[in-house]
Amino acid sequence: MMNPFTERVINIIKSIPIGKVMSYGQIAKVAGSPRGARQVVRILHSMSEKHKLPWHRVINAKGEIVMKDEESAYSQRTLLEAEGVSFLANGLVDLEQSRYEPVVSEEDLI
C-alpha cells in the first residue's frame, strides 16, 4: 500500500494535460507537502514506468529540463515540443504559456 503523499503525487502527475508542465515543488505543494520537491523527484524516478507517468511534463521551477544525461534531456524536450509546449530563446520552458495550475479541493487532500 502506498502512502497518501505518494498516491497524491502520482495522481497529480497523471492529471497534467498534454502541452502543459508542472514543477517538482508545485506538485509537492499541491500534494500537501510544500517542501517535498525531493520526494517528488524520487517518486517520479522510481514509479514512472510502473504507473505510466508522463514524466516529461515535470520540470524545475525555473522552467529547466534537469535530466542529467544529454540523451534523456533531449528526449524530454522533444516530447514536450511534440505536445506543443513553448520554449523561450534561452532554452527554458515558457511557464506563462505552459504551466498547469490544477484546481484542488480540500477533499482531494484527505
PDB file of N, CA and C in Angstrom:
ATOM      1  N   MET A   1       0.838  -1.191   0.000  1.00  0.00           N
ATOM      2  CA  MET A   1       0.000   0.000   0.000  1.00  0.00           C
ATOM      3  C   MET A   1       0.886   1.260   0.000  1.00  0.00           C
ATOM      4  N   MET A   2       0.541   2.203  -0.838  1.00  0.00           N
ATOM      5  CA  MET A   2       1.311   3.445  -0.949  1.00  0.00           C
ATOM      6  C   MET A   2       0.908   4.433   0.138  1.00  0.00           C
ATOM      7  N   ASN A   3       1.871   5.272   0.545  1.00  0.00           N
ATOM      8  CA  ASN A   3       1.481   6.308   1.500  1.00  0.00           C
ATOM      9  C   ASN A   3       0.664   7.374   0.756  1.00  0.00           C
ATOM     10  N   PRO A   4      -0.175   8.117   1.491  1.00  0.00           N
ATOM     11  CA  PRO A   4      -1.085   9.080   0.851  1.00  0.00           C
ATOM     12  C   PRO A   4      -0.377  10.143   0.008  1.00  0.00           C
ATOM     13  N   PHE A   5       0.780  10.629   0.463  1.00  0.00           N
ATOM     14  CA  PHE A   5       1.508  11.645  -0.303  1.00  0.00           C
ATOM     15  C   PHE A   5       1.934  11.080  -1.654  1.00  0.00           C
ATOM     16  N   THR A   6       2.494   9.878  -1.646  1.00  0.00           N
ATOM     17  CA  THR A   6       2.935   9.235  -2.894  1.00  0.00           C
ATOM     18  C   THR A   6       1.763   9.069  -3.845  1.00  0.00           C
ATOM     19  N   GLU A   7       0.643   8.620  -3.315  1.00  0.00           N
ATOM     20  CA  GLU A   7      -0.557   8.425  -4.135  1.00  0.00           C
ATOM     21  C   GLU A   7      -1.031   9.750  -4.745  1.00  0.00           C
ATOM     22  N   ARG A   8      -1.029  10.814  -3.942  1.00  0.00           N
ATOM     23  CA  ARG A   8      -1.446  12.126  -4.450  1.00  0.00           C
ATOM     24  C   ARG A   8      -0.492  12.613  -5.539  1.00  0.00           C
ATOM     25  N   VAL A   9       0.818  12.438  -5.318  1.00  0.00           N
ATOM     26  CA  VAL A   9       1.808  12.861  -6.315  1.00  0.00           C
ATOM     27  C   VAL A   9       1.571  12.132  -7.635  1.00  0.00           C
ATOM     28  N   ILE A  10       1.371  10.837  -7.578  1.00  0.00           N
ATOM     29  CA  ILE A  10       1.129  10.051  -8.795  1.00  0.00           C
ATOM     30  C   ILE A  10      -0.121  10.555  -9.509  1.00  0.00           C
ATOM     31  N   ASN A  11      -1.191  10.794  -8.760  1.00  0.00           N
ATOM     32  CA  ASN A  11      -2.438  11.274  -9.373  1.00  0.00           C
ATOM     33  C   ASN A  11      -2.285  12.664  -9.985  1.00  0.00           C
ATOM     34  N   ILE A  12      -1.525  13.531  -9.314  1.00  0.00           N
ATOM     35  CA  ILE A  12      -1.299  14.882  -9.847  1.00  0.00           C
ATOM     36  C   ILE A  12      -0.515  14.799 -11.152  1.00  0.00           C
ATOM     37  N   ILE A  13       0.557  14.010 -11.158  1.00  0.00           N
ATOM     38  CA  ILE A  13       1.379  13.883 -12.374  1.00  0.00           C
ATOM     39  C   ILE A  13       0.540  13.318 -13.520  1.00  0.00           C
ATOM     40  N   LYS A  14      -0.283  12.318 -13.219  1.00  0.00           N
ATOM     41  CA  LYS A  14      -1.151  11.735 -14.262  1.00  0.00           C
ATOM     42  C   LYS A  14      -2.143  12.760 -14.808  1.00  0.00           C
ATOM     43  N   SER A  15      -2.486  13.761 -13.987  1.00  0.00           N
ATOM     44  CA  SER A  15      -3.505  14.743 -14.397  1.00  0.00           C
ATOM     45  C   SER A  15      -2.943  15.891 -15.241  1.00  0.00           C
ATOM     46  N   ILE A  16      -1.620  15.982 -15.370  1.00  0.00           N
ATOM     47  CA  ILE A  16      -1.034  17.088 -16.146  1.00  0.00           C
ATOM     48  C   ILE A  16      -1.428  16.895 -17.608  1.00  0.00           C
ATOM     49  N   PRO A  17      -2.153  17.845 -18.185  1.00  0.00           N
ATOM     50  CA  PRO A  17      -2.622  17.671 -19.565  1.00  0.00           C
ATOM     51  C   PRO A  17      -1.489  17.764 -20.595  1.00  0.00           C
ATOM     52  N   ILE A  18      -1.754  17.207 -21.745  1.00  0.00           N
ATOM     53  CA  ILE A  18      -0.838  17.322 -22.879  1.00  0.00           C
ATOM     54  C   ILE A  18      -0.596  18.804 -23.143  1.00  0.00           C
ATOM     55  N   GLY A  19       0.665  19.164 -23.362  1.00  0.00           N
ATOM     56  CA  GLY A  19       1.009  20.550 -23.660  1.00  0.00           C
ATOM     57  C   GLY A  19       1.227  21.426 -22.443  1.00  0.00           C
ATOM     58  N   LYS A  20       1.172  20.827 -21.249  1.00  0.00           N
ATOM     59  CA  LYS A  20       1.370  21.578 -20.004  1.00  0.00           C
ATOM     60  C   LYS A  20       2.472  20.927 -19.179  1.00  0.00           C
ATOM     61  N   VAL A  21       3.028  21.695 -18.237  1.00  0.00           N
ATOM     62  CA  VAL A  21       4.071  21.192 -17.347  1.00  0.00           C
ATOM     63  C   VAL A  21       3.789  21.643 -15.919  1.00  0.00           C
ATOM     64  N   MET A  22       4.403  20.949 -14.966  1.00  0.00           N
ATOM     65  CA  MET A  22       4.398  21.365 -13.564  1.00  0.00           C
ATOM     66  C   MET A  22       5.817  21.200 -13.033  1.00  0.00           C
ATOM     67  N   SER A  23       6.149  21.959 -12.006  1.00  0.00           N
ATOM     68  CA  SER A  23       7.467  21.809 -11.381  1.00  0.00           C
ATOM     69  C   SER A  23       7.367  20.810 -10.229  1.00  0.00           C
ATOM     70  N   TYR A  24       8.526  20.283  -9.836  1.00  0.00           N
ATOM     71  CA  TYR A  24       8.584  19.341  -8.716  1.00  0.00           C
ATOM     72  C   TYR A  24       7.978  19.966  -7.463  1.00  0.00           C
ATOM     73  N   GLY A  25       8.369  21.204  -7.162  1.00  0.00           N
ATOM     74  CA  GLY A  25       7.870  21.885  -5.971  1.00  0.00           C
ATOM     75  C   GLY A  25       6.387  22.189  -6.034  1.00  0.00           C
ATOM     76  N   GLN A  26       5.916  22.525  -7.211  1.00  0.00           N
ATOM     77  CA  GLN A  26       4.494  22.812  -7.412  1.00  0.00           C
ATOM     78  C   GLN A  26       3.675  21.546  -7.138  1.00  0.00           C
ATOM     79  N   ILE A  27       4.150  20.407  -7.637  1.00  0.00           N
ATOM     80  CA  ILE A  27       3.467  19.127  -7.398  1.00  0.00           C
ATOM     81  C   ILE A  27       3.461  18.820  -5.905  1.00  0.00           C
ATOM     82  N   ALA A  28       4.602  19.001  -5.242  1.00  0.00           N
ATOM     83  CA  ALA A  28       4.697  18.733  -3.802  1.00  0.00           C
ATOM     84  C   ALA A  28       3.702  19.592  -3.025  1.00  0.00           C
ATOM     85  N   LYS A  29       3.623  20.867  -3.382  1.00  0.00           N
ATOM     86  CA  LYS A  29       2.717  21.792  -2.691  1.00  0.00           C
ATOM     87  C   LYS A  29       1.260  21.372  -2.882  1.00  0.00           C
ATOM     88  N   VAL A  30       0.880  21.064  -4.116  1.00  0.00           N
ATOM     89  CA  VAL A  30      -0.500  20.637  -4.396  1.00  0.00           C
ATOM     90  C   VAL A  30      -0.813  19.324  -3.666  1.00  0.00           C
ATOM     91  N   ALA A  31       0.206  18.472  -3.509  1.00  0.00           N
ATOM     92  CA  ALA A  31       0.018  17.185  -2.828  1.00  0.00           C
ATOM     93  C   ALA A  31       0.009  17.326  -1.306  1.00  0.00           C
ATOM     94  N   GLY A  32       0.234  18.557  -0.811  1.00  0.00           N
ATOM     95  CA  GLY A  32       0.137  18.797   0.617  1.00  0.00           C
ATOM     96  C   GLY A  32       1.453  18.863   1.370  1.00  0.00           C
ATOM     97  N   SER A  33       2.578  18.871   0.666  1.00  0.00           N
ATOM     98  CA  SER A  33       3.892  18.951   1.315  1.00  0.00           C
ATOM     99  C   SER A  33       4.761  19.968   0.580  1.00  0.00           C
ATOM    100  N   PRO A  34       4.596  21.264   0.898  1.00  0.00           N
ATOM    101  CA  PRO A  34       5.291  22.323   0.157  1.00  0.00           C
ATOM    102  C   PRO A  34       6.804  22.170   0.067  1.00  0.00           C
ATOM    103  N   ARG A  35       7.413  21.445   1.012  1.00  0.00           N
ATOM    104  CA  ARG A  35       8.865  21.267   0.980  1.00  0.00           C
ATOM    105  C   ARG A  35       9.249  19.888   0.437  1.00  0.00           C
ATOM    106  N   GLY A  36       8.330  19.224  -0.227  1.00  0.00           N
ATOM    107  CA  GLY A  36       8.548  17.846  -0.659  1.00  0.00           C
ATOM    108  C   GLY A  36       9.033  17.642  -2.078  1.00  0.00           C
ATOM    109  N   ALA A  37       9.672  18.650  -2.672  1.00  0.00           N
ATOM    110  CA  ALA A  37      10.115  18.524  -4.071  1.00  0.00           C
ATOM    111  C   ALA A  37      11.036  17.327  -4.285  1.00  0.00           C
ATOM    112  N   ARG A  38      11.940  17.074  -3.329  1.00  0.00           N
ATOM    113  CA  ARG A  38      12.861  15.935  -3.483  1.00  0.00           C
ATOM    114  C   ARG A  38      12.117  14.604  -3.475  1.00  0.00           C
ATOM    115  N   GLN A  39      11.059  14.511  -2.667  1.00  0.00           N
ATOM    116  CA  GLN A  39      10.260  13.283  -2.675  1.00  0.00           C
ATOM    117  C   GLN A  39       9.572  13.105  -4.024  1.00  0.00           C
ATOM    118  N   VAL A  40       9.138  14.208  -4.624  1.00  0.00           N
ATOM    119  CA  VAL A  40       8.515  14.132  -5.952  1.00  0.00           C
ATOM    120  C   VAL A  40       9.527  13.592  -6.959  1.00  0.00           C
ATOM    121  N   VAL A  41      10.770  14.062  -6.880  1.00  0.00           N
ATOM    122  CA  VAL A  41      11.834  13.557  -7.763  1.00  0.00           C
ATOM    123  C   VAL A  41      11.968  12.048  -7.580  1.00  0.00           C
ATOM    124  N   ARG A  42      12.025  11.605  -6.321  1.00  0.00           N
ATOM    125  CA  ARG A  42      12.183  10.177  -6.020  1.00  0.00           C
ATOM    126  C   ARG A  42      11.001   9.367  -6.563  1.00  0.00           C
ATOM    127  N   ILE A  43       9.797   9.844  -6.328  1.00  0.00           N
ATOM    128  CA  ILE A  43       8.596   9.143  -6.799  1.00  0.00           C
ATOM    129  C   ILE A  43       8.602   9.059  -8.322  1.00  0.00           C
ATOM    130  N   LEU A  44       8.910  10.163  -8.973  1.00  0.00           N
ATOM    131  CA  LEU A  44       8.947  10.199 -10.435  1.00  0.00           C
ATOM    132  C   LEU A  44       9.977   9.213 -10.967  1.00  0.00           C
ATOM    133  N   HIS A  45      11.152   9.200 -10.339  1.00  0.00           N
ATOM    134  CA  HIS A  45      12.237   8.316 -10.779  1.00  0.00           C
ATOM    135  C   HIS A  45      11.878   6.844 -10.578  1.00  0.00           C
ATOM    136  N   SER A  46      11.284   6.525  -9.427  1.00  0.00           N
ATOM    137  CA  SER A  46      11.050   5.118  -9.099  1.00  0.00           C
ATOM    138  C   SER A  46       9.721   4.562  -9.607  1.00  0.00           C
ATOM    139  N   MET A  47       8.767   5.406  -9.956  1.00  0.00           N
ATOM    140  CA  MET A  47       7.430   4.902 -10.281  1.00  0.00           C
ATOM    141  C   MET A  47       6.901   5.293 -11.652  1.00  0.00           C
ATOM    142  N   SER A  48       7.671   6.032 -12.442  1.00  0.00           N
ATOM    143  CA  SER A  48       7.188   6.483 -13.756  1.00  0.00           C
ATOM    144  C   SER A  48       6.785   5.330 -14.657  1.00  0.00           C
ATOM    145  N   GLU A  49       7.649   4.337 -14.740  1.00  0.00           N
ATOM    146  CA  GLU A  49       7.379   3.217 -15.641  1.00  0.00           C
ATOM    147  C   GLU A  49       6.182   2.404 -15.156  1.00  0.00           C
ATOM    148  N   LYS A  50       6.199   2.042 -13.877  1.00  0.00           N
ATOM    149  CA  LYS A  50       5.141   1.212 -13.292  1.00  0.00           C
ATOM    150  C   LYS A  50       3.757   1.849 -13.449  1.00  0.00           C
ATOM    151  N   HIS A  51       3.684   3.164 -13.247  1.00  0.00           N
ATOM    152  CA  HIS A  51       2.394   3.859 -13.286  1.00  0.00           C
ATOM    153  C   HIS A  51       2.167   4.632 -14.584  1.00  0.00           C
ATOM    154  N   LYS A  52       3.054   4.429 -15.556  1.00  0.00           N
ATOM    155  CA  LYS A  52       2.957   5.097 -16.870  1.00  0.00           C
ATOM    156  C   LYS A  52       2.766   6.609 -16.711  1.00  0.00           C
ATOM    157  N   LEU A  53       3.623   7.210 -15.903  1.00  0.00           N
ATOM    158  CA  LEU A  53       3.528   8.647 -15.633  1.00  0.00           C
ATOM    159  C   LEU A  53       4.113   9.454 -16.785  1.00  0.00           C
ATOM    160  N   PRO A  54       3.501  10.582 -17.112  1.00  0.00           N
ATOM    161  CA  PRO A  54       4.062  11.468 -18.139  1.00  0.00           C
ATOM    162  C   PRO A  54       5.232  12.264 -17.542  1.00  0.00           C
ATOM    163  N   TRP A  55       6.323  11.567 -17.252  1.00  0.00           N
ATOM    164  CA  TRP A  55       7.494  12.132 -16.568  1.00  0.00           C
ATOM    165  C   TRP A  55       8.038  13.380 -17.254  1.00  0.00           C
ATOM    166  N   HIS A  56       7.888  13.422 -18.571  1.00  0.00           N
ATOM    167  CA  HIS A  56       8.454  14.532 -19.337  1.00  0.00           C
ATOM    168  C   HIS A  56       7.755  15.860 -19.056  1.00  0.00           C
ATOM    169  N   ARG A  57       6.586  15.822 -18.427  1.00  0.00           N
ATOM    170  CA  ARG A  57       5.842  17.052 -18.133  1.00  0.00           C
ATOM    171  C   ARG A  57       6.227  17.666 -16.787  1.00  0.00           C
ATOM    172  N   VAL A  58       7.257  17.123 -16.142  1.00  0.00           N
ATOM    173  CA  VAL A  58       7.708  17.646 -14.853  1.00  0.00           C
ATOM    174  C   VAL A  58       9.105  18.248 -15.028  1.00  0.00           C
ATOM    175  N   ILE A  59       9.228  19.523 -14.646  1.00  0.00           N
ATOM    176  CA  ILE A  59      10.480  20.274 -14.826  1.00  0.00           C
ATOM    177  C   ILE A  59      10.797  21.007 -13.523  1.00  0.00           C
ATOM    178  N   ASN A  60      11.877  21.765 -13.496  1.00  0.00           N
ATOM    179  CA  ASN A  60      12.148  22.516 -12.264  1.00  0.00           C
ATOM    180  C   ASN A  60      11.427  23.866 -12.288  1.00  0.00           C
ATOM    181  N   ALA A  61      11.490  24.569 -11.180  1.00  0.00           N
ATOM    182  CA  ALA A  61      10.721  25.814 -11.009  1.00  0.00           C
ATOM    183  C   ALA A  61      11.147  26.927 -11.956  1.00  0.00           C
ATOM    184  N   LYS A  62      12.368  26.847 -12.484  1.00  0.00           N
ATOM    185  CA  LYS A  62      12.852  27.867 -13.423  1.00  0.00           C
ATOM    186  C   LYS A  62      12.414  27.577 -14.855  1.00  0.00           C
ATOM    187  N   GLY A  63      11.827  26.395 -15.072  1.00  0.00           N
ATOM    188  CA  GLY A  63      11.454  26.011 -16.427  1.00  0.00           C
ATOM    189  C   GLY A  63      12.524  25.190 -17.115  1.00  0.00           C
ATOM    190  N   GLU A  64      13.490  24.714 -16.329  1.00  0.00           N
ATOM    191  CA  GLU A  64      14.593  23.935 -16.899  1.00  0.00           C
ATOM    192  C   GLU A  64      14.284  22.450 -16.928  1.00  0.00           C
ATOM    193  N   ILE A  65      14.786  21.801 -17.953  1.00  0.00           N
ATOM    194  CA  ILE A  65      14.822  20.342 -18.000  1.00  0.00           C
ATOM    195  C   ILE A  65      16.073  19.962 -17.226  1.00  0.00           C
ATOM    196  N   VAL A  66      15.933  19.102 -16.236  1.00  0.00           N
ATOM    197  CA  VAL A  66      17.077  18.814 -15.368  1.00  0.00           C
ATOM    198  C   VAL A  66      17.587  17.380 -15.463  1.00  0.00           C
ATOM    199  N   MET A  67      17.285  16.703 -16.555  1.00  0.00           N
ATOM    200  CA  MET A  67      17.800  15.350 -16.742  1.00  0.00           C
ATOM    201  C   MET A  67      19.322  15.423 -16.817  1.00  0.00           C
ATOM    202  N   LYS A  68      19.989  14.501 -16.127  1.00  0.00           N
ATOM    203  CA  LYS A  68      21.454  14.539 -16.052  1.00  0.00           C
ATOM    204  C   LYS A  68      22.113  14.206 -17.388  1.00  0.00           C
ATOM    205  N   ASP A  69      21.612  13.156 -18.046  1.00  0.00           N
ATOM    206  CA  ASP A  69      22.281  12.779 -19.294  1.00  0.00           C
ATOM    207  C   ASP A  69      21.631  13.474 -20.485  1.00  0.00           C
ATOM    208  N   GLU A  70      22.460  13.786 -21.449  1.00  0.00           N
ATOM    209  CA  GLU A  70      22.042  14.570 -22.609  1.00  0.00           C
ATOM    210  C   GLU A  70      20.913  13.904 -23.399  1.00  0.00           C
ATOM    211  N   GLU A  71      21.002  12.589 -23.542  1.00  0.00           N
ATOM    212  CA  GLU A  71      20.001  11.855 -24.319  1.00  0.00           C
ATOM    213  C   GLU A  71      18.611  11.985 -23.691  1.00  0.00           C
ATOM    214  N   SER A  72      18.533  11.829 -22.368  1.00  0.00           N
ATOM    215  CA  SER A  72      17.245  11.956 -21.669  1.00  0.00           C
ATOM    216  C   SER A  72      16.710  13.381 -21.744  1.00  0.00           C
ATOM    217  N   ALA A  73      17.594  14.359 -21.602  1.00  0.00           N
ATOM    218  CA  ALA A  73      17.183  15.766 -21.689  1.00  0.00           C
ATOM    219  C   ALA A  73      16.647  16.074 -23.084  1.00  0.00           C
ATOM    220  N   TYR A  74      17.326  15.569 -24.104  1.00  0.00           N
ATOM    221  CA  TYR A  74      16.881  15.772 -25.487  1.00  0.00           C
ATOM    222  C   TYR A  74      15.526  15.097 -25.700  1.00  0.00           C
ATOM    223  N   SER A  75      15.388  13.889 -25.167  1.00  0.00           N
ATOM    224  CA  SER A  75      14.137  13.139 -25.289  1.00  0.00           C
ATOM    225  C   SER A  75      12.991  13.902 -24.619  1.00  0.00           C
ATOM    226  N   GLN A  76      13.248  14.457 -23.425  1.00  0.00           N
ATOM    227  CA  GLN A  76      12.213  15.210 -22.716  1.00  0.00           C
ATOM    228  C   GLN A  76      11.803  16.443 -23.516  1.00  0.00           C
ATOM    229  N   ARG A  77      12.770  17.184 -24.007  1.00  0.00           N
ATOM    230  CA  ARG A  77      12.453  18.391 -24.783  1.00  0.00           C
ATOM    231  C   ARG A  77      11.668  18.026 -26.044  1.00  0.00           C
ATOM    232  N   THR A  78      12.078  16.969 -26.730  1.00  0.00           N
ATOM    233  CA  THR A  78      11.400  16.524 -27.951  1.00  0.00           C
ATOM    234  C   THR A  78       9.944  16.160 -27.661  1.00  0.00           C
ATOM    235  N   LEU A  79       9.716  15.424 -26.569  1.00  0.00           N
ATOM    236  CA  LEU A  79       8.347  15.049 -26.189  1.00  0.00           C
ATOM    237  C   LEU A  79       7.510  16.287 -25.870  1.00  0.00           C
ATOM    238  N   LEU A  80       8.086  17.224 -25.136  1.00  0.00           N
ATOM    239  CA  LEU A  80       7.353  18.448 -24.783  1.00  0.00           C
ATOM    240  C   LEU A  80       7.033  19.280 -26.020  1.00  0.00           C
ATOM    241  N   GLU A  81       8.003  19.434 -26.909  1.00  0.00           N
ATOM    242  CA  GLU A  81       7.761  20.201 -28.139  1.00  0.00           C
ATOM    243  C   GLU A  81       6.677  19.542 -28.989  1.00  0.00           C
ATOM    244  N   ALA A  82       6.681  18.216 -29.044  1.00  0.00           N
ATOM    245  CA  ALA A  82       5.673  17.486 -29.822  1.00  0.00           C
ATOM    246  C   ALA A  82       4.270  17.715 -29.258  1.00  0.00           C
ATOM    247  N   GLU A  83       4.188  17.994 -27.955  1.00  0.00           N
ATOM    248  CA  GLU A  83       2.895  18.263 -27.313  1.00  0.00           C
ATOM    249  C   GLU A  83       2.509  19.739 -27.380  1.00  0.00           C
ATOM    250  N   GLY A  84       3.383  20.571 -27.939  1.00  0.00           N
ATOM    251  CA  GLY A  84       3.065  21.985 -28.087  1.00  0.00           C
ATOM    252  C   GLY A  84       3.548  22.883 -26.967  1.00  0.00           C
ATOM    253  N   VAL A  85       4.414  22.362 -26.089  1.00  0.00           N
ATOM    254  CA  VAL A  85       4.968  23.189 -25.013  1.00  0.00           C
ATOM    255  C   VAL A  85       5.909  24.223 -25.631  1.00  0.00           C
ATOM    256  N   SER A  86       5.773  25.479 -25.210  1.00  0.00           N
ATOM    257  CA  SER A  86       6.597  26.574 -25.738  1.00  0.00           C
ATOM    258  C   SER A  86       7.907  26.693 -24.975  1.00  0.00           C
ATOM    259  N   PHE A  87       8.981  26.921 -25.713  1.00  0.00           N
ATOM    260  CA  PHE A  87      10.292  27.167 -25.113  1.00  0.00           C
ATOM    261  C   PHE A  87      10.724  28.588 -25.448  1.00  0.00           C
ATOM    262  N   LEU A  88      11.410  29.216 -24.510  1.00  0.00           N
ATOM    263  CA  LEU A  88      11.966  30.550 -24.721  1.00  0.00           C
ATOM    264  C   LEU A  88      13.302  30.426 -25.454  1.00  0.00           C
ATOM    265  N   ALA A  89      13.825  31.537 -25.932  1.00  0.00           N
ATOM    266  CA  ALA A  89      15.096  31.541 -26.662  1.00  0.00           C
ATOM    267  C   ALA A  89      16.253  31.001 -25.820  1.00  0.00           C
ATOM    268  N   ASN A  90      16.160  31.138 -24.492  1.00  0.00           N
ATOM    269  CA  ASN A  90      17.233  30.663 -23.613  1.00  0.00           C
ATOM    270  C   ASN A  90      17.126  29.176 -23.278  1.00  0.00           C
ATOM    271  N   GLY A  91      16.156  28.480 -23.882  1.00  0.00           N
ATOM    272  CA  GLY A  91      16.015  27.041 -23.672  1.00  0.00           C
ATOM    273  C   GLY A  91      15.095  26.645 -22.538  1.00  0.00           C
ATOM    274  N   LEU A  92      14.575  27.623 -21.797  1.00  0.00           N
ATOM    275  CA  LEU A  92      13.655  27.320 -20.704  1.00  0.00           C
ATOM    276  C   LEU A  92      12.235  27.174 -21.241  1.00  0.00           C
ATOM    277  N   VAL A  93      11.432  26.376 -20.538  1.00  0.00           N
ATOM    278  CA  VAL A  93      10.017  26.270 -20.876  1.00  0.00           C
ATOM    279  C   VAL A  93       9.369  27.616 -20.575  1.00  0.00           C
ATOM    280  N   ASP A  94       8.502  28.069 -21.459  1.00  0.00           N
ATOM    281  CA  ASP A  94       7.747  29.305 -21.245  1.00  0.00           C
ATOM    282  C   ASP A  94       6.634  28.994 -20.241  1.00  0.00           C
ATOM    283  N   LEU A  95       6.928  29.241 -18.967  1.00  0.00           N
ATOM    284  CA  LEU A  95       5.983  28.875 -17.909  1.00  0.00           C
ATOM    285  C   LEU A  95       4.685  29.671 -17.978  1.00  0.00           C
ATOM    286  N   GLU A  96       4.734  30.899 -18.464  1.00  0.00           N
ATOM    287  CA  GLU A  96       3.497  31.682 -18.597  1.00  0.00           C
ATOM    288  C   GLU A  96       2.520  30.983 -19.533  1.00  0.00           C
ATOM    289  N   GLN A  97       3.049  30.371 -20.573  1.00  0.00           N
ATOM    290  CA  GLN A  97       2.218  29.683 -21.563  1.00  0.00           C
ATOM    291  C   GLN A  97       1.886  28.246 -21.158  1.00  0.00           C
ATOM    292  N   SER A  98       2.825  27.577 -20.498  1.00  0.00           N
ATOM    293  CA  SER A  98       2.724  26.122 -20.379  1.00  0.00           C
ATOM    294  C   SER A  98       2.531  25.565 -18.976  1.00  0.00           C
ATOM    295  N   ARG A  99       2.586  26.406 -17.938  1.00  0.00           N
ATOM    296  CA  ARG A  99       2.422  25.870 -16.581  1.00  0.00           C
ATOM    297  C   ARG A  99       0.973  25.439 -16.354  1.00  0.00           C
ATOM    298  N   TYR A 100       0.809  24.247 -15.784  1.00  0.00           N
ATOM    299  CA  TYR A 100      -0.509  23.734 -15.432  1.00  0.00           C
ATOM    300  C   TYR A 100      -0.787  24.078 -13.975  1.00  0.00           C
ATOM    301  N   GLU A 101      -1.935  24.688 -13.730  1.00  0.00           N
ATOM    302  CA  GLU A 101      -2.359  25.042 -12.370  1.00  0.00           C
ATOM    303  C   GLU A 101      -3.619  24.244 -12.046  1.00  0.00           C
ATOM    304  N   PRO A 102      -3.461  23.074 -11.428  1.00  0.00           N
ATOM    305  CA  PRO A 102      -4.652  22.269 -11.141  1.00  0.00           C
ATOM    306  C   PRO A 102      -5.530  22.921 -10.075  1.00  0.00           C
ATOM    307  N   VAL A 103      -6.809  22.698 -10.174  1.00  0.00           N
ATOM    308  CA  VAL A 103      -7.749  23.163  -9.158  1.00  0.00           C
ATOM    309  C   VAL A 103      -7.876  22.021  -8.161  1.00  0.00           C
ATOM    310  N   VAL A 104      -7.530  22.307  -6.912  1.00  0.00           N
ATOM    311  CA  VAL A 104      -7.538  21.262  -5.889  1.00  0.00           C
ATOM    312  C   VAL A 104      -8.536  21.637  -4.808  1.00  0.00           C
ATOM    313  N   SER A 105      -9.399  20.685  -4.474  1.00  0.00           N
ATOM    314  CA  SER A 105     -10.356  20.923  -3.394  1.00  0.00           C
ATOM    315  C   SER A 105      -9.808  20.293  -2.115  1.00  0.00           C
ATOM    316  N   GLU A 106     -10.368  20.681  -0.986  1.00  0.00           N
ATOM    317  CA  GLU A 106      -9.930  20.124   0.301  1.00  0.00           C
ATOM    318  C   GLU A 106     -10.090  18.603   0.317  1.00  0.00           C
ATOM    319  N   GLU A 107     -11.154  18.095  -0.284  1.00  0.00           N
ATOM    320  CA  GLU A 107     -11.402  16.648  -0.295  1.00  0.00           C
ATOM    321  C   GLU A 107     -10.278  15.896  -1.007  1.00  0.00           C
ATOM    322  N   ASP A 108      -9.677  16.544  -2.001  1.00  0.00           N
ATOM    323  CA  ASP A 108      -8.598  15.904  -2.752  1.00  0.00           C
ATOM    324  C   ASP A 108      -7.384  15.630  -1.873  1.00  0.00           C
ATOM    325  N   LEU A 109      -7.216  16.408  -0.817  1.00  0.00           N
ATOM    326  CA  LEU A 109      -6.028  16.282   0.023  1.00  0.00           C
ATOM    327  C   LEU A 109      -6.231  15.348   1.209  1.00  0.00           C
ATOM    328  N   ILE A 110      -7.429  14.825   1.359  1.00  0.00           N
ATOM    329  CA  ILE A 110      -7.720  13.946   2.504  1.00  0.00           C
ATOM    330  C   ILE A 110      -7.370  12.516   2.163  1.00  0.00           C
TER     331      ILE A 110
END
